[in-house]
Amino acid sequence: MATLIGLAVIQTIMGNFVDPRVQGKSLQLSPFIALVSIVFWGWVWGIPGAILGVPMTISIILFCQEFEATRGVAIVLCEIKN
């Protein structure tokens, strides 16, 4: 029983704190936005959405950076590097 509780605690810490921070630094994405995208897309599409949440958010950012009208959305989600 202690093993299951220990694994649950480790999974919670890794999934909610460590993974979003590492993904955010490697993708130049805010850890908050990474976490929100995982939660949002997980809510919309379940487990596949949670797995694909960050790549879909990065795709949205790249799409928004290409057009002047939506560039503000990209700036809010992450810093545009020129």
C-alpha atoms as a PDB file:
ATOM      1  CA  MET A   1       0.000   0.000   0.000  1.00  0.00           C
ATOM      2  CA  ALA A   2       2.851   2.379   0.805  1.00  0.00           C
ATOM      3  CA  THR A   3       4.316   1.707  -2.650  1.00  0.00           C
ATOM      4  CA  LEU A   4       1.090   2.751  -4.369  1.00  0.00           C
ATOM      5  CA  ILE A   5       0.854   5.926  -2.320  1.00  0.00           C
ATOM      6  CA  GLY A   6       4.507   6.736  -3.016  1.00  0.00           C
ATOM      7  CA  LEU A   7       4.041   6.215  -6.754  1.00  0.00           C
ATOM      8  CA  ALA A   8       0.905   8.363  -6.745  1.00  0.00           C
ATOM      9  CA  VAL A   9       2.744  11.195  -4.985  1.00  0.00           C
ATOM     10  CA  ILE A  10       5.694  10.979  -7.386  1.00  0.00           C
ATOM     11  CA  GLN A  11       3.372  10.927 -10.414  1.00  0.00           C
ATOM     12  CA  THR A  12       1.448  13.934  -9.132  1.00  0.00           C
ATOM     13  CA  ILE A  13       4.602  15.964  -8.526  1.00  0.00           C
ATOM     14  CA  MET A  14       6.135  15.007 -11.882  1.00  0.00           C
ATOM     15  CA  GLY A  15       2.940  15.576 -13.862  1.00  0.00           C
ATOM     16  CA  ASN A  16       1.924  18.851 -12.262  1.00  0.00           C
ATOM     17  CA  PHE A  17       5.217  20.594 -11.563  1.00  0.00           C
ATOM     18  CA  VAL A  18       8.320  19.087 -13.140  1.00  0.00           C
ATOM     19  CA  ASP A  19       7.088  18.104 -16.618  1.00  0.00           C
ATOM     20  CA  PRO A  20       5.414  21.453 -17.466  1.00  0.00           C
ATOM     21  CA  ARG A  21       8.522  23.353 -16.333  1.00  0.00           C
ATOM     22  CA  VAL A  22      10.892  21.165 -18.409  1.00  0.00           C
ATOM     23  CA  GLN A  23       8.623  21.308 -21.460  1.00  0.00           C
ATOM     24  CA  GLY A  24       8.221  25.054 -21.066  1.00  0.00           C
ATOM     25  CA  LYS A  25      11.972  25.661 -21.010  1.00  0.00           C
ATOM     26  CA  SER A  26      12.726  23.381 -23.946  1.00  0.00           C
ATOM     27  CA  LEU A  27       9.866  24.769 -26.059  1.00  0.00           C
ATOM     28  CA  GLN A  28      10.222  28.409 -24.888  1.00  0.00           C
ATOM     29  CA  LEU A  29       6.709  28.134 -23.520  1.00  0.00           C
ATOM     30  CA  SER A  30       5.547  29.341 -20.127  1.00  0.00           C
ATOM     31  CA  PRO A  31       5.159  26.442 -17.656  1.00  0.00           C
ATOM     32  CA  PHE A  32       1.758  27.889 -16.772  1.00  0.00           C
ATOM     33  CA  ILE A  33       0.634  27.799 -20.408  1.00  0.00           C
ATOM     34  CA  ALA A  34       2.006  24.246 -20.772  1.00  0.00           C
ATOM     35  CA  LEU A  35       0.010  23.126 -17.734  1.00  0.00           C
ATOM     36  CA  VAL A  36      -3.128  24.961 -18.861  1.00  0.00           C
ATOM     37  CA  SER A  37      -2.862  23.434 -22.341  1.00  0.00           C
ATOM     38  CA  ILE A  38      -2.542  19.923 -20.896  1.00  0.00           C
ATOM     39  CA  VAL A  39      -5.557  20.481 -18.647  1.00  0.00           C
ATOM     40  CA  PHE A  40      -7.662  22.167 -21.357  1.00  0.00           C
ATOM     41  CA  TRP A  41      -6.984  19.664 -24.128  1.00  0.00           C
ATOM     42  CA  GLY A  42      -7.325  16.804 -21.628  1.00  0.00           C
ATOM     43  CA  TRP A  43     -10.725  18.156 -20.687  1.00  0.00           C
ATOM     44  CA  VAL A  44     -11.748  18.493 -24.350  1.00  0.00           C
ATOM     45  CA  TRP A  45     -10.391  15.171 -25.687  1.00  0.00           C
ATOM     46  CA  GLY A  46      -9.502  13.117 -22.618  1.00  0.00           C
ATOM     47  CA  ILE A  47      -6.200  11.245 -22.412  1.00  0.00           C
ATOM     48  CA  PRO A  48      -5.224  11.753 -26.090  1.00  0.00           C
ATOM     49  CA  GLY A  49      -5.822  15.471 -25.648  1.00  0.00           C
ATOM     50  CA  ALA A  50      -3.612  15.558 -22.553  1.00  0.00           C
ATOM     51  CA  ILE A  51      -0.825  13.804 -24.438  1.00  0.00           C
ATOM     52  CA  LEU A  52      -1.134  16.097 -27.464  1.00  0.00           C
ATOM     53  CA  GLY A  53      -1.955  19.292 -25.534  1.00  0.00           C
ATOM     54  CA  VAL A  54       1.453  20.973 -25.684  1.00  0.00           C
ATOM     55  CA  PRO A  55       2.147  20.138 -29.366  1.00  0.00           C
ATOM     56  CA  MET A  56      -1.295  21.458 -30.318  1.00  0.00           C
ATOM     57  CA  THR A  57      -0.659  24.650 -28.351  1.00  0.00           C
ATOM     58  CA  ILE A  58       2.719  25.118 -30.045  1.00  0.00           C
ATOM     59  CA  SER A  59       0.987  24.645 -33.411  1.00  0.00           C
ATOM     60  CA  ILE A  60      -1.562  27.309 -32.501  1.00  0.00           C
ATOM     61  CA  ILE A  61       1.244  29.682 -31.475  1.00  0.00           C
ATOM     62  CA  LEU A  62       3.110  29.125 -34.743  1.00  0.00           C
ATOM     63  CA  PHE A  63      -0.077  29.678 -36.730  1.00  0.00           C
ATOM     64  CA  CYS A  64      -0.879  32.879 -34.832  1.00  0.00           C
ATOM     65  CA  GLN A  65       2.644  34.249 -35.338  1.00  0.00           C
ATOM     66  CA  GLU A  66       2.179  34.163 -39.118  1.00  0.00           C
ATOM     67  CA  PHE A  67      -0.720  36.615 -39.260  1.00  0.00           C
ATOM     68  CA  GLU A  68      -0.706  40.204 -38.042  1.00  0.00           C
ATOM     69  CA  ALA A  69      -4.290  40.020 -36.753  1.00  0.00           C
ATOM     70  CA  THR A  70      -3.522  37.073 -34.445  1.00  0.00           C
ATOM     71  CA  ARG A  71       0.028  37.964 -33.447  1.00  0.00           C
ATOM     72  CA  GLY A  72      -1.252  39.289 -30.105  1.00  0.00           C
ATOM     73  CA  VAL A  73      -2.452  35.811 -29.177  1.00  0.00           C
ATOM     74  CA  ALA A  74       1.002  34.400 -29.893  1.00  0.00           C
ATOM     75  CA  ILE A  75       2.621  37.126 -27.805  1.00  0.00           C
ATOM     76  CA  VAL A  76       0.354  36.291 -24.880  1.00  0.00           C
ATOM     77  CA  LEU A  77       1.129  32.569 -25.122  1.00  0.00           C
ATOM     78  CA  CYS A  78       4.879  32.936 -25.522  1.00  0.00           C
ATOM     79  CA  GLU A  79       7.572  35.380 -26.493  1.00  0.00           C
ATOM     80  CA  ILE A  80       8.137  35.732 -30.249  1.00  0.00           C
ATOM     81  CA  LYS A  81      11.794  35.255 -31.105  1.00  0.00           C
ATOM     82  CA  ASN A  82      12.935  37.047 -34.276  1.00  0.00           C
END
